[in-house]
């Protein structure tokens, strides 16, 4: 919408929608600007429940006056330190740089893209490549003994595998970590041939668990994380004639195709009848207290995840 006043009315209608449907407990700040980057910056200029229209001719003056470099998206703690080492200490210093200097200061193409963003250009989004699929969970007190914590680990692995299949990937590395209440963090990682069935990664999880987690009454597991790395799209998977000797041996099983078919069948059952309708190696009732999908600060889940 190119007309500022019309855009403002749209923003006000969004705010009114929150107030009408949710009451005063959920509010939002809205920014309006020439591109999405500046609109995001504008939302931070007035919080909570703000509405800021950042006109093109006022961007530089407003940002220099009201913001520090760390307030700009894309400038985290490490980047702020890197910039300060080069004498770039304020937003005014950033605006004084040309495109080449921005790229050099950031050490990547992102610096040059920021030069354009700050001047209102709307660049096409860079195509991103997914590198991992994972889940983590902080365990409640009753689930922290190892005999109960393994149920959480199994359920997180099943969820990650289901997501991977829905997104049409195979994984070649499985990672696991557990943080104990005594402060220790236990980690394990292993490679495998490209796989997407649940049993392969459950077997790897159990191997890690039995070798790394002490089975003692005084050991309590506070947090569990599982992650699938080395993702390969379905159409790009190529078999190895001579797999490396350290590859996970469970994948040489002739039953791998059968486990693939079973995994996809379980996905269809859970999508039709609801999450945890069918699981491998655990009762549906064992996972329902903790397996629900959450909306995290760092990632908005896909709708399908609420059924996985």
Protein backbone atom coordinates (compact mmCIF):
# COMPACT_ATOMS: atom_id res chain seq x y z
CA UNK A 1 0.00 0.00 0.00
CA UNK A 2 1.67 3.20 -1.20
CA UNK A 3 -0.56 5.77 0.54
CA UNK A 4 0.59 6.41 4.13
CA UNK A 5 -2.88 7.26 5.43
CA UNK A 6 -4.44 4.13 3.93
CA UNK A 7 -1.60 2.04 5.40
CA UNK A 8 -2.26 3.69 8.75
CA UNK A 9 -5.94 2.71 8.61
CA UNK A 10 -4.96 -0.89 7.85
CA UNK A 11 -2.65 -0.88 10.88
CA UNK A 12 -5.38 0.54 13.10
CA UNK A 13 -7.79 -2.15 11.92
CA UNK A 14 -5.23 -4.82 12.92
CA UNK A 15 -4.96 -3.27 16.36
CA UNK A 16 -8.74 -3.10 16.66
CA UNK A 17 -8.95 -6.76 15.66
CA UNK A 18 -6.66 -7.69 18.55
CA UNK A 19 -8.67 -5.58 20.99
CA UNK A 20 -12.04 -6.96 19.83
CA UNK A 21 -11.07 -10.62 19.69
CA UNK A 22 -8.48 -10.91 22.46
CA UNK A 23 -9.08 -7.98 24.79
CA UNK A 24 -6.38 -5.81 26.35
CA UNK A 25 -3.94 -8.66 27.08
CA UNK A 26 -2.44 -9.02 23.60
CA UNK A 27 -1.17 -5.86 21.91
CA UNK A 28 1.18 -5.16 19.03
CA UNK A 29 3.49 -2.49 17.69
CA UNK A 30 3.29 -1.82 13.95
CA UNK A 31 5.86 -0.16 11.72
CA UNK A 32 5.18 1.21 8.23
CA UNK A 33 8.07 2.05 5.91
CA UNK A 34 9.41 1.70 2.38
CA UNK A 35 10.62 -1.89 2.91
CA UNK A 36 10.25 -4.70 5.42
CA UNK A 37 13.60 -4.02 7.06
CA UNK A 38 12.74 -0.40 7.87
CA UNK A 39 9.21 -1.42 8.89
CA UNK A 40 10.76 -3.77 11.44
CA UNK A 41 13.00 -0.96 12.67
CA UNK A 42 9.94 1.29 12.93
CA UNK A 43 8.13 -1.17 15.22
CA UNK A 44 10.90 -0.70 17.79
CA UNK A 45 10.60 3.09 17.79
CA UNK A 46 7.36 3.01 19.77
CA UNK A 47 6.59 0.19 22.19
CA UNK A 48 4.35 -1.16 23.53
CA UNK A 49 1.27 -0.85 21.36
CA UNK A 50 2.85 1.67 18.99
CA UNK A 51 2.22 2.72 15.41
CA UNK A 52 5.09 4.41 13.56
CA UNK A 53 5.14 5.55 9.94
CA UNK A 54 8.75 6.03 8.84
CA UNK A 55 8.66 8.28 5.78
CA UNK A 56 11.61 8.00 3.33
CA UNK A 57 12.81 11.55 3.82
CA UNK A 58 12.89 11.14 7.62
CA UNK A 59 14.60 7.75 7.93
CA UNK A 60 18.20 8.89 8.38
CA UNK A 61 17.43 11.69 10.83
CA UNK A 62 15.09 9.55 12.94
CA UNK A 63 17.37 6.54 13.16
CA UNK A 64 20.44 8.63 13.98
CA UNK A 65 18.52 10.44 16.70
CA UNK A 66 16.77 7.50 18.37
CA UNK A 67 18.80 4.33 17.81
CA UNK A 68 22.12 2.72 18.58
CA UNK A 69 23.79 0.30 16.11
CA UNK A 70 22.67 -2.72 18.18
CA UNK A 71 19.04 -1.62 17.69
CA UNK A 72 19.28 -2.40 13.97
CA UNK A 73 18.34 -5.92 12.85
CA UNK A 74 21.45 -7.78 11.78
CA UNK A 75 23.76 -6.15 14.34
CA UNK A 76 24.18 -8.52 17.25
CA UNK A 77 26.71 -8.42 20.05
CA UNK A 78 29.57 -9.85 18.00
CA UNK A 79 28.89 -7.60 15.01
CA UNK A 80 28.65 -4.55 17.26
CA UNK A 81 32.08 -5.42 18.66
CA UNK A 82 33.45 -5.88 15.13
CA UNK A 83 32.09 -2.49 14.04
CA UNK A 84 33.40 -0.68 17.12
CA UNK A 85 36.89 -2.04 16.41
CA UNK A 86 36.65 -0.25 13.05
CA UNK A 87 35.55 3.02 14.66
CA UNK A 88 31.86 2.60 13.74
CA UNK A 89 30.18 3.57 17.00
CA UNK A 90 26.86 5.14 16.03
CA UNK A 91 24.08 4.95 13.47
CA UNK A 92 25.46 8.19 12.02
CA UNK A 93 28.76 6.39 11.40
CA UNK A 94 26.87 3.64 9.53
CA UNK A 95 25.03 6.12 7.31
CA UNK A 96 28.37 7.77 6.48
CA UNK A 97 29.66 4.56 4.84
CA UNK A 98 29.29 3.81 1.14
CA UNK A 99 28.32 0.37 -0.20
CA UNK A 100 31.89 -0.94 -0.48
CA UNK A 101 32.76 0.23 3.01
CA UNK A 102 29.61 -1.40 4.41
CA UNK A 103 30.49 -4.70 2.77
CA UNK A 104 34.06 -4.51 4.09
CA UNK A 105 32.90 -3.55 7.59
CA UNK A 106 30.51 -6.50 7.82
CA UNK A 107 32.84 -8.86 6.00
CA UNK A 108 29.96 -10.16 3.86
CA UNK A 109 27.32 -9.22 1.30
CA UNK A 110 24.93 -8.50 4.17
CA UNK A 111 26.69 -5.18 4.79
CA UNK A 112 25.99 -4.05 1.23
CA UNK A 113 22.38 -5.22 1.49
CA UNK A 114 21.98 -3.16 4.65
CA UNK A 115 23.17 -0.08 2.75
CA UNK A 116 20.25 -0.55 0.37
CA UNK A 117 17.76 -1.43 3.12
CA UNK A 118 18.56 1.70 5.12
CA UNK A 119 17.85 3.81 2.03
CA UNK A 120 14.44 2.27 1.38
CA UNK A 121 15.26 -0.19 -1.40
CA UNK A 122 13.21 -3.40 -1.38
CA UNK A 123 15.63 -6.17 -2.37
CA UNK A 124 14.52 -9.71 -3.26
CA UNK A 125 14.95 -12.15 -0.38
CA UNK A 126 18.05 -14.33 -0.49
CA UNK A 127 17.28 -18.00 -1.04
CA UNK A 128 18.12 -19.88 2.12
CA UNK A 129 19.12 -23.51 2.53
CA UNK A 130 17.99 -25.48 5.54
CA UNK A 131 20.90 -27.10 7.39
CA UNK A 132 19.23 -28.86 10.31
CA UNK A 133 15.96 -30.00 11.86
CA UNK A 134 15.80 -30.39 15.62
CA UNK A 135 13.81 -30.14 18.82
CA UNK A 136 14.63 -29.61 22.49
CA UNK A 137 12.64 -29.80 25.70
CA UNK A 138 13.20 -28.74 29.32
CA UNK A 139 11.90 -31.61 31.42
CA UNK A 140 9.49 -31.25 34.28
CA UNK A 141 10.68 -32.56 37.66
CA UNK A 142 8.74 -35.84 37.36
CA UNK A 143 10.33 -36.64 33.96
CA UNK A 144 13.97 -36.04 34.94
CA UNK A 145 14.99 -39.55 36.12
CA UNK A 146 16.70 -41.29 33.17
CA UNK A 147 14.02 -43.99 32.87
CA UNK A 148 11.44 -41.26 32.22
CA UNK A 149 13.74 -38.86 30.34
CA UNK A 150 14.34 -41.43 27.61
CA UNK A 151 10.63 -41.19 26.75
CA UNK A 152 11.08 -37.47 26.08
CA UNK A 153 14.19 -38.15 23.99
CA UNK A 154 12.35 -40.75 21.92
CA UNK A 155 9.39 -38.43 21.34
CA UNK A 156 11.63 -35.52 20.25
CA UNK A 157 13.40 -37.83 17.80
CA UNK A 158 10.11 -39.05 16.33
CA UNK A 159 8.92 -35.46 15.92
CA UNK A 160 12.13 -34.36 14.19
CA UNK A 161 11.97 -37.36 11.83
CA UNK A 162 8.34 -36.66 10.97
CA UNK A 163 9.17 -33.04 10.14
CA UNK A 164 12.09 -34.17 8.00
CA UNK A 165 9.88 -36.49 5.95
CA UNK A 166 7.22 -33.81 5.49
CA UNK A 167 9.89 -31.42 4.20
CA UNK A 168 11.23 -34.11 1.82
CA UNK A 169 14.73 -34.42 3.29
CA UNK A 170 17.06 -37.23 4.27
CA UNK A 171 19.60 -36.75 7.08
CA UNK A 172 23.18 -37.98 7.28
CA UNK A 173 24.13 -36.89 10.84
CA UNK A 174 22.24 -37.34 14.10
CA UNK A 175 23.16 -35.23 17.12
CA UNK A 176 22.05 -35.59 20.73
CA UNK A 177 22.71 -33.61 23.91
CA UNK A 178 21.48 -33.84 27.48
CA UNK A 179 22.00 -31.29 30.23
CA UNK A 180 22.02 -32.82 33.71
CA UNK A 181 20.91 -31.10 36.89
CA UNK A 182 24.46 -31.25 38.22
CA UNK A 183 25.56 -28.93 35.38
CA UNK A 184 27.14 -31.47 33.05
CA UNK A 185 26.26 -31.43 29.36
CA UNK A 186 26.60 -34.79 27.59
CA UNK A 187 26.81 -34.78 23.79
CA UNK A 188 27.04 -37.36 21.02
CA UNK A 189 26.97 -37.25 17.24
CA UNK A 190 27.20 -39.91 14.53
CA UNK A 191 26.98 -40.12 10.75
CA UNK A 192 24.77 -42.42 8.75
CA UNK A 193 23.85 -43.10 5.17
CA UNK A 194 21.05 -40.78 3.95
CA UNK A 195 17.93 -41.85 5.86
CA UNK A 196 14.52 -40.52 6.80
CA UNK A 197 12.88 -43.44 8.65
CA UNK A 198 12.28 -43.09 12.38
CA UNK A 199 13.78 -46.40 13.46
CA UNK A 200 17.27 -45.60 12.18
CA UNK A 201 17.51 -42.47 14.32
CA UNK A 202 15.76 -44.06 17.32
CA UNK A 203 18.39 -46.81 17.26
CA UNK A 204 21.15 -44.19 17.16
CA UNK A 205 19.50 -42.35 20.05
CA UNK A 206 19.36 -45.51 22.18
CA UNK A 207 23.01 -46.21 21.40
CA UNK A 208 23.94 -42.71 22.60
CA UNK A 209 21.68 -42.98 25.64
CA UNK A 210 23.04 -46.30 26.87
CA UNK A 211 26.65 -45.21 26.45
CA UNK A 212 26.44 -41.61 27.71
CA UNK A 213 23.67 -41.28 30.32
CA UNK A 214 24.57 -42.71 33.75
CA UNK A 215 21.76 -44.98 34.95
CA UNK A 216 21.90 -43.95 38.60
CA UNK A 217 19.09 -42.86 40.96
CA UNK A 218 20.78 -39.55 41.76
CA UNK A 219 21.20 -38.58 38.07
CA UNK A 220 18.52 -36.20 36.79
CA UNK A 221 18.21 -34.99 33.19
CA UNK A 222 17.15 -31.34 32.94
CA UNK A 223 17.09 -30.72 29.16
CA UNK A 224 17.25 -32.88 26.04
CA UNK A 225 18.00 -31.82 22.47
CA UNK A 226 18.04 -33.83 19.25
CA UNK A 227 19.02 -32.56 15.81
CA UNK A 228 19.25 -33.97 12.28
CA UNK A 229 22.11 -32.53 10.20
CA UNK A 230 23.54 -33.02 6.75
CA UNK A 231 20.18 -32.69 5.05
CA UNK A 232 19.78 -33.88 1.46
CA UNK A 233 16.67 -33.27 -0.61
CA UNK A 234 14.80 -36.40 -1.67
CA UNK A 235 15.71 -36.09 -5.35
CA UNK A 236 19.41 -35.58 -4.59
CA UNK A 237 20.07 -38.76 -2.59
CA UNK A 238 22.71 -40.99 -4.15
CA UNK A 239 23.76 -44.36 -2.69
CA UNK A 240 27.38 -45.00 -1.74
CA UNK A 241 29.18 -47.93 -3.35
CA UNK A 242 31.83 -47.83 -0.61
CA UNK A 243 30.45 -46.19 2.56
CA UNK A 244 33.07 -44.95 5.05
CA UNK A 245 33.92 -47.44 7.82
CA UNK A 246 32.55 -45.19 10.60
CA UNK A 247 29.06 -44.97 9.08
CA UNK A 248 26.29 -46.15 11.39
CA UNK A 249 25.99 -49.90 10.69
CA UNK A 250 22.25 -50.15 11.29
CA UNK A 251 21.59 -48.70 7.84
CA UNK A 252 22.91 -51.72 5.99
CA UNK A 253 19.76 -53.57 7.09
CA UNK A 254 17.69 -54.98 4.19
CA UNK A 255 14.58 -53.80 6.08
CA UNK A 256 15.30 -50.10 5.52
CA UNK A 257 12.60 -49.72 2.84
CA UNK A 258 10.08 -51.43 5.06
CA UNK A 259 10.88 -48.99 7.88
CA UNK A 260 10.51 -46.11 5.44
CA UNK A 261 7.03 -47.29 4.48
CA UNK A 262 6.09 -47.78 8.12
CA UNK A 263 7.32 -44.29 9.06
CA UNK A 264 5.24 -42.67 6.33
CA UNK A 265 2.22 -44.75 7.37
CA UNK A 266 2.57 -43.50 10.97
CA UNK A 267 2.73 -39.91 9.68
CA UNK A 268 -0.55 -40.39 7.82
CA UNK A 269 -2.23 -41.90 10.88
CA UNK A 270 -1.14 -39.04 13.15
CA UNK A 271 -2.21 -36.38 10.64
CA UNK A 272 -5.62 -37.99 10.27
CA UNK A 273 -6.41 -38.96 13.85
CA UNK A 274 -4.27 -36.51 15.82
CA UNK A 275 -0.77 -36.25 17.28
CA UNK A 276 0.46 -39.31 19.22
CA UNK A 277 -2.19 -41.63 17.78
CA UNK A 278 0.60 -44.04 16.79
CA UNK A 279 4.22 -44.06 17.98
CA UNK A 280 7.22 -46.40 17.88
CA UNK A 281 8.37 -47.96 21.14
CA UNK A 282 6.15 -45.95 23.49
CA UNK A 283 2.49 -45.60 24.37
CA UNK A 284 0.61 -42.54 23.05
CA UNK A 285 -0.28 -41.58 26.64
CA UNK A 286 3.41 -41.36 27.55
CA UNK A 287 4.08 -38.43 25.22
CA UNK A 288 0.95 -36.33 25.40
CA UNK A 289 1.94 -34.43 28.53
CA UNK A 290 4.94 -32.77 26.86
CA UNK A 291 4.86 -33.35 23.09
CA UNK A 292 2.67 -30.43 22.03
CA UNK A 293 4.17 -27.92 19.61
CA UNK A 294 5.14 -24.55 21.09
CA UNK A 295 5.53 -21.16 19.39
CA UNK A 296 9.08 -20.18 20.31
CA UNK A 297 10.68 -16.73 20.25
CA UNK A 298 13.11 -17.81 17.53
CA UNK A 299 10.83 -19.78 15.17
CA UNK A 300 7.18 -19.93 14.22
CA UNK A 301 6.21 -23.58 13.60
CA UNK A 302 4.41 -24.77 10.51
CA UNK A 303 0.75 -25.66 10.98
CA UNK A 304 1.52 -29.33 10.26
CA UNK A 305 3.88 -29.50 13.27
CA UNK A 306 0.90 -29.42 15.62
CA UNK A 307 0.01 -32.88 14.27
CA UNK A 308 3.49 -34.38 14.48
